[in-house]
Amino acid sequence: MPTIARQPRVALAFWVACGLVAASGAARAEALFQVRHNSIGCVSERATLALSSPEEPRRSDPGWVAFVRRDGQCVDVTPTSRWALVRVGGPTTLARNVVPGSGALLYIPTVDFVAQVGRSAAASTPRAARSDSGGKYCIDNGSTMLLTRPAANGGLEFGMTSWTAQKIFFGVSGLAQPEAGGWHYRKDMSAGDPSERCEIRIGKLPDGGYSFGVTQAGNCEANGGHNAAPSPDHPILFPARSRQGDIPRNKSVAEATSLESGGISCAIPRRGH
């Protein structure tokens, strides 16, 4: 089976690096960027590195390229699309699609980006992300679960729970408001105790699944035990194939997430014989 080799980090042109780093702090204000030519974006950073490295000899093998694209959930990125930067640094940039508005969170080669090309009107008037029926999504052998349900005015009810290897629980739920290509949730951001500040961004993946991430400004640490909160600015991916059905209609998302309210959980996959 083909493998994706880790590629060496490449040096970036000074003006590209400076322009992107300076704009990264303004990503929440929806400063928009584009690629200079047709490029590629993948859910998997390793796939982006492999497909964009000039030192990768297998890029001339159509079978290998097709495998990496499929395995890394890659799509073509064109200069007509616009992106808000989520994380900048090194040969790849994690960016959220704003135009045409899929909300996809993808790793794109940093060197392919050009300077800022404008600002989204959605910074002042958020536009709802692509709607769907929501559901229950399970990854990590059932230890991590995301619940979603469309709400009024383009909002998204959500609940996310996880268990660490040490059986420490983390759980958060709420109503996220629409923004360009996704949803945004904020709670207690002015709290004196930083662990009580909670800020979450939810986006759509190219296959119809979701990405879920807490931010450096509000990592929701108080919602779980010691070291149970997700790592800030490193989205957790729930691909479409991880969907395990709907949320019971007789439960709100908050009830379905809560242990005290008899919340639901993920089915644990059986081991093969």
Foldseek 3Di string as FASTA:
>chain_A
DDDQDADDFDDADPVLQVQVVVCLVVLLLAQKWFFPAKWKWFQDPSLQRRCPDPPNPCVVPVVNNVVSCVVRVMDIGGRVWIWRFLDDDIQWTFTFTQVVFQRATTTTGSNRIDHGDGGDPLSVPFDAGDDDQWAWFADPLFQKIKTWGADPPRKIWIKIWGADPVRKIAIDTDIFDGHRQWTKDWDPLVPPDLLCTWIKTKHAHPQGWIKIFTAPSHQNNVRIDDPPTDDHSPIDTGHPVRGDGHDPPVDDNVLLRDPVNVHDTDDGDDDDD
